[in-house]
Amino acid sequence: MSTDVKRVITALAALLLTALAGTPARAADGDGPSAGQRIASALRTSPVYVDESYADAVPPARQRQLAERIRRTGLPIKVVLRPLTKGDAFDGDSDVLAGTVRDRLPERRELILITTDSDFSDSLKGYEWPSDTHQTRDAVSAAGLLDEMRDAGLADVTAKAVDLVAEGKGRQRYEEATADLGGGSPPAKSGSNSGSDSDSGWLLWSLIAVPVLALTVLATRTLLRSREPAPAVPQLVFATARAADEAELRRRAEAEVLALGETTQAADVATTPGLQHALDAYAAAGTVLDEARGLPDLAGVLALVQEGRDALAGSPGLPLCFFNPLHGRAARRTGWRPLGRRERLDVAVCEECADALRGRRAPEVLTDTAQDGRAVPYFELPGGRSVWAATGYGSLTSPLAGFNSSRARAR
């Protein structure tokens, strides 16, 4: 085989890989076709699909009410409420979920889809095919921003989203809801909303796939003969980087605990009313440091040290950032409602996370490991299993109080 032919085949093979990487909906089908098919099959009998993990937030009676509400609109609205986590059948991406469901319902030329939002955990996301005639994207985004929805549960927010889609004034409603935030129309991800974008993407795929596959097959033998197994460098680099981060944070935590201990020793009992509190926080921080199993525990050490310092100062300030305590001390408190829960939490956030919330973006969160081995936001773990999920590193309750409670339960 000539060098020129090899170059052409290599280039076409790379083009094929690029095309495959740019078609997430199909990738999701490959990872979990049963998930997409199961949802699509359910939607053929009812316009509302609710995963069992959301059954408490949207019980069967509310599901039936939503279905009846949708039927009264006369619009082809479908609702899919299910958790999205990186590595699941849809790779934790609401766009992939929407594309997969759309592909599984080819008989429906017109479709309006409301799903859980992968980018922002307490929101919904809207899609419409073949075009955004009913301003679905803005209407669904506006539903969770309205003042009347501030303390509403998932079922009520979904019902409001259906109403706003039927009203057909989504852009206006979104602008009104975000007027005091300085917000405009939410940014659209390419290929996520428009049916024409999706159709053109698959047309491009069909035009390049056949010739590319034919030439790639021709080159396969040569490539396989000469190709050696690639070492798992990315995984090694990732693991090494995380270990380095943990080692650095451990050194920092050790220094912080030592500094707090020295400060408490130098404090005057007569003029420091919070000294005992600081000593208790110091002792707890030392215990957590000795038993720390990862970044969440080491962040807990920093939260306990901060509580001890505040006790010494006699003027407690805001705790560390709720979403990621490694961001440092919070700058303000704000309301935040986890998806699937009715109650709205009052959490302390840093400026970076506050900006993300204002921009309807997902803040950077500290992750922990679930029982099945998945990396999840630390606050999604059961409070009985994680003292940091129970306390929010000081946003929900005192880290020291949470530490003492966990120790009491363990006895």
Protein backbone atom coordinates (compact mmCIF):
# COMPACT_ATOMS: atom_id res chain seq x y z
CA MET A 1 0.00 0.00 0.00
CA SER A 2 1.48 3.36 -1.06
CA THR A 3 2.25 6.12 1.42
CA ASP A 4 -0.34 8.44 -0.16
CA VAL A 5 -3.09 5.84 0.13
CA LYS A 6 -2.18 5.25 3.76
CA ARG A 7 -2.42 8.97 4.44
CA VAL A 8 -5.83 9.19 2.83
CA ILE A 9 -7.11 6.21 4.77
CA THR A 10 -5.71 7.56 8.03
CA ALA A 11 -7.35 10.93 7.44
CA LEU A 12 -10.69 9.32 6.63
CA ALA A 13 -10.44 7.12 9.71
CA ALA A 14 -9.88 10.21 11.82
CA LEU A 15 -12.91 11.80 10.18
CA LEU A 16 -14.96 8.77 11.11
CA LEU A 17 -13.85 9.00 14.74
CA THR A 18 -14.73 12.69 14.76
CA ALA A 19 -18.18 11.97 13.39
CA LEU A 20 -18.74 9.29 16.00
CA ALA A 21 -17.65 11.66 18.77
CA GLY A 22 -20.11 14.26 17.54
CA THR A 23 -23.18 12.03 17.76
CA PRO A 24 -23.92 11.70 21.48
CA ALA A 25 -27.47 10.44 21.14
CA ARG A 26 -26.26 7.36 19.31
CA ALA A 27 -23.52 6.86 21.85
CA ALA A 28 -26.11 6.84 24.57
CA ASP A 29 -28.06 4.18 22.73
CA GLY A 30 -24.94 2.08 22.58
CA ASP A 31 -24.32 2.47 26.30
CA GLY A 32 -27.88 1.80 27.35
CA PRO A 33 -30.39 1.25 24.54
CA SER A 34 -32.88 -0.26 26.94
CA ALA A 35 -33.06 2.98 28.91
CA GLY A 36 -34.02 5.09 25.90
CA GLN A 37 -36.41 2.47 24.58
CA ARG A 38 -38.06 2.04 27.97
CA ILE A 39 -38.72 5.77 28.24
CA ALA A 40 -40.00 6.03 24.67
CA SER A 41 -42.31 3.05 25.17
CA ALA A 42 -43.74 4.59 28.33
CA LEU A 43 -44.31 7.90 26.55
CA ARG A 44 -46.46 6.19 23.94
CA THR A 45 -49.04 5.40 26.63
CA SER A 46 -48.64 8.51 28.83
CA PRO A 47 -47.07 11.91 28.14
CA VAL A 48 -45.33 11.79 31.53
CA TYR A 49 -42.41 9.54 32.45
CA VAL A 50 -41.08 9.75 36.02
CA ASP A 51 -38.17 7.64 37.20
CA GLU A 52 -38.83 5.77 40.44
CA SER A 53 -36.19 7.87 42.23
CA TYR A 54 -38.49 10.89 41.77
CA ALA A 55 -41.64 9.03 42.82
CA ASP A 56 -41.83 10.90 46.13
CA ALA A 57 -41.46 14.31 44.47
CA VAL A 58 -43.93 13.46 41.68
CA PRO A 59 -46.19 10.67 42.99
CA PRO A 60 -48.59 8.76 40.68
CA ALA A 61 -51.51 11.07 41.46
CA ARG A 62 -49.48 14.12 40.41
CA GLN A 63 -48.27 12.28 37.33
CA ARG A 64 -51.88 11.71 36.27
CA GLN A 65 -52.68 15.38 36.88
CA LEU A 66 -49.72 16.41 34.75
CA ALA A 67 -50.79 14.05 31.98
CA GLU A 68 -54.30 15.50 31.98
CA ARG A 69 -52.88 19.03 32.00
CA ILE A 70 -50.79 18.20 28.94
CA ARG A 71 -53.73 16.66 27.09
CA ARG A 72 -55.77 19.82 27.65
CA THR A 73 -53.11 21.89 25.87
CA GLY A 74 -53.53 19.91 22.67
CA LEU A 75 -49.74 20.12 22.16
CA PRO A 76 -47.33 17.18 21.60
CA ILE A 77 -45.70 17.69 25.01
CA LYS A 78 -43.79 14.88 26.69
CA VAL A 79 -42.18 15.05 30.14
CA VAL A 80 -39.18 12.95 31.20
CA LEU A 81 -38.02 13.30 34.81
CA ARG A 82 -35.07 11.15 35.75
CA PRO A 83 -31.72 11.72 37.47
CA LEU A 84 -28.76 12.34 35.18
CA THR A 85 -25.31 11.31 36.31
CA LYS A 86 -22.03 11.18 34.42
CA GLY A 87 -21.51 7.64 33.17
CA ASP A 88 -25.19 6.66 33.04
CA ALA A 89 -27.03 5.55 29.89
CA PHE A 90 -27.11 9.19 28.72
CA ASP A 91 -23.69 10.15 30.11
CA GLY A 92 -25.40 12.55 32.51
CA ASP A 93 -26.37 14.88 29.66
CA SER A 94 -29.94 16.14 29.17
CA ASP A 95 -29.17 16.90 25.51
CA VAL A 96 -28.24 13.26 24.96
CA LEU A 97 -31.38 12.15 26.80
CA ALA A 98 -33.54 14.42 24.64
CA GLY A 99 -31.87 13.30 21.41
CA THR A 100 -32.23 9.65 22.33
CA VAL A 101 -35.93 9.98 23.18
CA ARG A 102 -36.50 11.94 19.96
CA ASP A 103 -34.84 9.20 17.91
CA ARG A 104 -36.93 6.56 19.66
CA LEU A 105 -40.13 8.37 18.68
CA PRO A 106 -39.59 8.75 14.91
CA GLU A 107 -43.33 8.68 14.25
CA ARG A 108 -43.70 12.07 15.93
CA ARG A 109 -42.61 14.79 13.53
CA GLU A 110 -43.57 17.45 16.07
CA LEU A 111 -42.41 16.97 19.64
CA ILE A 112 -42.05 19.17 22.71
CA LEU A 113 -39.92 17.60 25.42
CA ILE A 114 -39.41 18.74 29.02
CA THR A 115 -36.60 16.99 30.89
CA THR A 116 -34.49 17.34 33.98
CA ASP A 117 -31.51 19.61 33.39
CA SER A 118 -28.04 18.08 33.60
CA ASP A 119 -26.31 21.47 33.81
CA PHE A 120 -28.30 22.86 36.72
CA SER A 121 -29.60 20.37 39.23
CA ASP A 122 -32.73 22.22 40.39
CA SER A 123 -34.02 23.12 36.91
CA LEU A 124 -35.80 21.70 33.90
CA LYS A 125 -34.86 21.99 30.25
CA GLY A 126 -37.08 22.33 27.19
CA TYR A 127 -36.68 21.03 23.64
CA GLU A 128 -38.88 21.33 20.58
CA TRP A 129 -38.85 19.81 17.11
CA PRO A 130 -38.82 20.63 14.23
CA SER A 131 -38.38 24.25 15.43
CA ASP A 132 -38.87 26.28 18.62
CA THR A 133 -42.34 27.43 17.58
CA HIS A 134 -43.70 27.62 21.12
CA GLN A 135 -40.50 29.14 22.59
CA THR A 136 -40.18 26.00 24.65
CA ARG A 137 -36.58 26.49 25.75
CA ASP A 138 -37.24 29.89 27.30
CA ALA A 139 -40.64 28.90 28.69
CA VAL A 140 -39.26 25.90 30.57
CA SER A 141 -36.25 27.87 31.85
CA ALA A 142 -38.56 30.63 33.10
CA ALA A 143 -40.74 28.23 35.09
CA GLY A 144 -38.18 27.68 37.83
CA LEU A 145 -37.26 31.36 38.06
CA LEU A 146 -40.67 32.80 38.82
CA ASP A 147 -41.19 34.21 42.31
CA GLU A 148 -44.31 32.10 42.74
CA MET A 149 -42.19 28.97 42.17
CA ARG A 150 -39.56 29.87 44.76
CA ASP A 151 -40.59 27.14 47.19
CA ALA A 152 -42.44 24.91 44.73
CA GLY A 153 -41.70 21.21 44.35
CA LEU A 154 -40.71 19.41 41.17
CA ALA A 155 -44.31 18.54 40.23
CA ASP A 156 -45.46 22.17 40.53
CA VAL A 157 -42.50 23.51 38.54
CA THR A 158 -43.16 20.97 35.80
CA ALA A 159 -46.84 21.92 35.70
CA LYS A 160 -45.89 25.59 35.41
CA ALA A 161 -43.48 24.74 32.58
CA VAL A 162 -46.31 23.03 30.70
CA ASP A 163 -48.53 26.09 31.18
CA LEU A 164 -45.85 28.48 29.93
CA VAL A 165 -45.15 26.35 26.87
CA ALA A 166 -48.87 26.32 26.05
CA GLU A 167 -49.02 30.10 26.53
CA GLY A 168 -46.42 30.55 23.80
CA LYS A 169 -44.71 33.57 25.37
CA GLY A 170 -41.63 31.83 26.75
CA ARG A 171 -39.12 34.46 25.69
CA GLN A 172 -41.12 37.25 27.30
CA ARG A 173 -41.65 35.24 30.50
CA TYR A 174 -37.95 34.42 30.72
CA GLU A 175 -36.93 38.05 30.28
CA GLU A 176 -39.42 39.12 32.93
CA ALA A 177 -38.21 36.43 35.35
CA THR A 178 -34.55 37.36 34.89
CA ALA A 179 -34.97 41.14 34.74
CA ASP A 180 -33.61 41.63 38.26
CA LEU A 181 -30.72 39.28 37.53
CA GLY A 182 -29.62 41.07 34.38
CA GLY A 183 -30.23 37.87 32.42
CA GLY A 184 -31.12 37.41 28.78
CA SER A 185 -32.12 34.38 26.86
CA PRO A 186 -30.33 31.30 28.16
CA PRO A 187 -27.47 30.07 26.00
CA ALA A 188 -28.37 27.21 23.71
CA LYS A 189 -26.09 24.28 23.18
CA SER A 190 -25.55 23.56 19.55
CA GLY A 191 -27.81 20.84 18.26
CA SER A 192 -29.83 20.56 21.45
CA ASN A 193 -33.09 22.26 20.52
CA SER A 194 -33.63 22.43 16.83
CA GLY A 195 -34.96 19.49 14.92
CA SER A 196 -33.41 20.89 11.75
CA ASP A 197 -29.98 20.86 13.41
CA SER A 198 -30.48 17.25 14.42
CA ASP A 199 -31.69 16.25 10.95
CA SER A 200 -28.79 18.02 9.23
CA GLY A 201 -26.36 16.31 11.60
CA TRP A 202 -27.65 12.88 10.67
CA LEU A 203 -27.67 13.81 6.99
CA LEU A 204 -23.98 14.72 7.23
CA TRP A 205 -23.36 11.44 9.03
CA SER A 206 -25.06 9.42 6.31
CA LEU A 207 -23.08 11.18 3.57
CA ILE A 208 -19.68 10.50 5.10
CA ALA A 209 -20.22 7.20 6.90
CA VAL A 210 -20.41 4.78 3.95
CA PRO A 211 -17.25 5.83 2.09
CA VAL A 212 -15.32 6.32 5.29
CA LEU A 213 -16.29 2.91 6.62
CA ALA A 214 -15.38 1.25 3.33
CA LEU A 215 -11.92 2.77 3.27
CA THR A 216 -11.42 2.18 6.98
CA VAL A 217 -12.16 -1.53 6.59
CA LEU A 218 -9.56 -1.63 3.83
CA ALA A 219 -6.95 -0.26 6.21
CA THR A 220 -7.96 -2.30 9.24
CA ARG A 221 -5.63 -5.25 8.65
CA THR A 222 -2.59 -3.09 8.17
CA LEU A 223 -3.45 -0.93 11.17
CA LEU A 224 -4.09 -3.90 13.43
CA ARG A 225 -0.87 -5.64 12.43
CA SER A 226 1.29 -2.66 13.20
CA ARG A 227 -0.58 -1.24 16.16
CA GLU A 228 0.63 -1.99 19.69
CA PRO A 229 -1.59 -1.71 22.77
CA ALA A 230 -1.58 1.83 24.13
CA PRO A 231 -0.63 2.20 27.79
CA ALA A 232 -3.30 3.55 30.15
CA VAL A 233 -1.51 6.87 30.52
CA PRO A 234 -4.62 9.11 30.83
CA GLN A 235 -5.99 7.07 33.72
CA LEU A 236 -2.58 7.01 35.38
CA VAL A 237 -2.14 10.74 34.94
CA PHE A 238 -5.63 11.42 36.31
CA ALA A 239 -5.07 9.19 39.34
CA THR A 240 -1.66 10.72 39.98
CA ALA A 241 -3.05 14.26 39.71
CA ARG A 242 -5.83 13.50 42.17
CA ALA A 243 -3.35 11.90 44.56
CA ALA A 244 -1.15 15.00 44.27
CA ASP A 245 -4.14 17.26 44.99
CA GLU A 246 -5.02 15.18 48.02
CA ALA A 247 -1.45 15.18 49.31
CA GLU A 248 -1.22 18.95 48.93
CA LEU A 249 -4.56 19.47 50.68
CA ARG A 250 -3.50 17.13 53.49
CA ARG A 251 -0.35 19.20 54.07
CA ARG A 252 -2.44 22.34 54.10
CA ALA A 253 -4.94 20.83 56.54
CA GLU A 254 -2.13 19.72 58.85
CA ALA A 255 -0.70 23.24 58.87
CA GLU A 256 -4.14 24.76 59.55
CA VAL A 257 -4.79 22.41 62.48
CA LEU A 258 -1.36 23.12 63.93
CA ALA A 259 -1.91 26.88 63.62
CA LEU A 260 -5.30 26.65 65.34
CA GLY A 261 -3.76 24.65 68.17
CA GLU A 262 -1.08 27.25 68.71
CA THR A 263 -3.65 30.05 68.67
CA THR A 264 -5.85 28.34 71.25
CA GLN A 265 -2.84 27.79 73.53
CA ALA A 266 -1.98 31.47 73.35
CA ALA A 267 -5.57 32.62 74.00
CA ASP A 268 -6.53 34.19 77.33
CA VAL A 269 -9.33 32.26 79.03
CA ALA A 270 -10.66 35.40 80.71
CA THR A 271 -11.03 37.35 77.46
CA THR A 272 -11.95 34.53 75.06
CA PRO A 273 -15.50 33.30 75.72
CA GLY A 274 -15.37 30.93 72.76
CA LEU A 275 -12.14 29.23 73.78
CA GLN A 276 -13.75 25.91 74.77
CA HIS A 277 -15.64 25.85 71.49
CA ALA A 278 -12.39 26.47 69.63
CA LEU A 279 -10.65 23.70 71.59
CA ASP A 280 -13.45 21.28 70.73
CA ALA A 281 -13.22 22.22 67.05
CA TYR A 282 -9.44 21.78 67.19
CA ALA A 283 -9.77 18.30 68.70
CA ALA A 284 -12.40 17.29 66.14
CA ALA A 285 -10.28 18.63 63.26
CA GLY A 286 -7.34 16.57 64.47
CA THR A 287 -9.47 13.43 64.64
CA VAL A 288 -10.91 13.94 61.16
CA LEU A 289 -7.44 14.62 59.78
CA ASP A 290 -6.09 11.38 61.25
CA GLU A 291 -9.00 9.40 59.78
CA ALA A 292 -9.38 11.32 56.50
CA ARG A 293 -10.00 9.07 53.50
CA GLY A 294 -10.09 11.67 50.75
CA LEU A 295 -10.77 15.23 49.70
CA PRO A 296 -14.24 15.49 51.36
CA ASP A 297 -12.79 14.64 54.79
CA LEU A 298 -9.82 16.97 54.32
CA ALA A 299 -12.24 19.76 53.35
CA GLY A 300 -14.07 18.93 56.58
CA VAL A 301 -10.87 19.55 58.50
CA LEU A 302 -10.71 23.04 57.00
CA ALA A 303 -14.37 23.65 57.92
CA LEU A 304 -13.74 22.65 61.54
CA VAL A 305 -10.64 24.84 61.71
CA GLN A 306 -12.66 27.77 60.37
CA GLU A 307 -15.30 27.19 63.02
CA GLY A 308 -12.60 27.15 65.68
CA ARG A 309 -11.12 30.41 64.45
CA ASP A 310 -14.54 32.05 64.41
CA ALA A 311 -15.13 30.88 67.98
CA LEU A 312 -11.89 32.49 69.08
CA ALA A 313 -12.75 35.72 67.29
CA GLY A 314 -16.17 35.81 68.94
CA SER A 315 -17.80 36.93 65.69
CA PRO A 316 -18.66 33.97 63.51
CA GLY A 317 -18.77 34.81 59.82
CA LEU A 318 -20.05 32.80 56.90
CA PRO A 319 -18.83 29.20 56.63
CA LEU A 320 -16.94 27.73 53.69
CA CYS A 321 -18.65 27.57 50.28
CA PHE A 322 -21.46 25.00 50.32
CA PHE A 323 -20.91 23.69 46.79
CA ASN A 324 -17.14 23.42 47.10
CA PRO A 325 -15.56 24.25 50.46
CA LEU A 326 -12.16 24.29 48.74
CA HIS A 327 -13.24 27.60 47.22
CA GLY A 328 -12.79 29.14 50.66
CA ARG A 329 -15.07 31.19 52.87
CA ALA A 330 -18.46 32.04 51.41
CA ALA A 331 -19.32 35.58 50.38
CA ARG A 332 -23.10 35.44 50.77
CA ARG A 333 -26.08 33.20 51.46
CA THR A 334 -28.65 32.28 48.83
CA GLY A 335 -31.65 30.03 48.35
CA TRP A 336 -31.12 26.78 46.46
CA ARG A 337 -33.48 23.87 45.90
CA PRO A 338 -32.08 20.45 44.96
CA LEU A 339 -34.02 18.86 42.13
CA GLY A 340 -36.66 16.46 43.35
CA ARG A 341 -37.04 18.11 46.75
CA ARG A 342 -39.76 20.47 47.89
CA GLU A 343 -37.76 22.36 50.49
CA ARG A 344 -35.46 25.22 49.51
CA LEU A 345 -32.11 25.31 51.28
CA ASP A 346 -30.38 28.44 52.52
CA VAL A 347 -26.73 27.89 51.64
CA ALA A 348 -23.54 29.95 51.81
CA VAL A 349 -21.72 30.37 48.51
CA CYS A 350 -18.54 31.98 47.25
CA GLU A 351 -18.60 34.64 44.52
CA GLU A 352 -17.70 32.11 41.84
CA CYS A 353 -20.62 29.84 42.68
CA ALA A 354 -22.95 32.82 43.17
CA ASP A 355 -22.09 33.96 39.63
CA ALA A 356 -22.82 30.47 38.34
CA LEU A 357 -26.21 30.42 40.05
CA ARG A 358 -27.11 33.85 38.66
CA GLY A 359 -26.11 32.71 35.19
CA ARG A 360 -28.16 29.51 35.49
CA ARG A 361 -24.98 27.44 35.30
CA ALA A 362 -24.06 24.50 37.46
CA PRO A 363 -21.54 25.52 40.13
CA GLU A 364 -18.36 23.53 40.53
CA VAL A 365 -19.06 21.01 43.27
CA LEU A 366 -16.93 18.84 45.50
CA THR A 367 -17.64 15.19 44.79
CA ASP A 368 -17.66 12.12 47.00
CA THR A 369 -18.08 8.44 46.24
CA ALA A 370 -21.50 6.78 46.35
CA GLN A 371 -21.96 3.20 47.52
CA ASP A 372 -21.98 1.97 43.92
CA GLY A 373 -18.63 3.63 43.25
CA ARG A 374 -19.93 6.61 41.28
CA ALA A 375 -18.60 10.11 41.89
CA VAL A 376 -21.54 12.28 42.97
CA PRO A 377 -21.91 15.74 44.54
CA TYR A 378 -21.05 15.23 48.20
CA PHE A 379 -24.39 16.68 49.33
CA GLU A 380 -26.30 13.93 47.50
CA LEU A 381 -25.02 11.30 49.91
CA PRO A 382 -27.33 10.35 52.80
CA GLY A 383 -26.74 12.54 55.85
CA GLY A 384 -26.40 9.44 57.99
CA ARG A 385 -23.46 8.29 55.89
CA SER A 386 -21.68 11.61 55.41
CA VAL A 387 -21.31 14.24 58.11
CA TRP A 388 -20.43 16.73 55.35
CA ALA A 389 -23.66 16.08 53.47
CA ALA A 390 -25.54 16.55 56.74
CA THR A 391 -23.80 19.83 57.60
CA GLY A 392 -22.99 21.30 54.18
CA TYR A 393 -19.60 22.20 55.68
CA GLY A 394 -21.36 24.75 57.87
CA SER A 395 -24.16 25.96 55.58
CA LEU A 396 -26.79 23.65 57.04
CA THR A 397 -25.47 23.23 60.56
CA SER A 398 -22.23 23.50 62.51
CA PRO A 399 -19.53 21.07 61.33
CA LEU A 400 -18.61 20.46 64.98
CA ALA A 401 -22.22 19.66 65.88
CA GLY A 402 -22.43 17.30 62.93
CA PHE A 403 -19.16 15.63 63.89
CA ASN A 404 -20.32 15.14 67.49
CA SER A 405 -23.67 13.74 66.33
CA SER A 406 -22.00 11.25 64.02
CA ARG A 407 -19.71 10.10 66.82
CA ALA A 408 -22.66 9.71 69.16
CA ARG A 409 -24.50 7.54 66.61
CA ALA A 410 -21.42 5.39 66.08
CA ARG A 411 -21.19 4.52 69.78
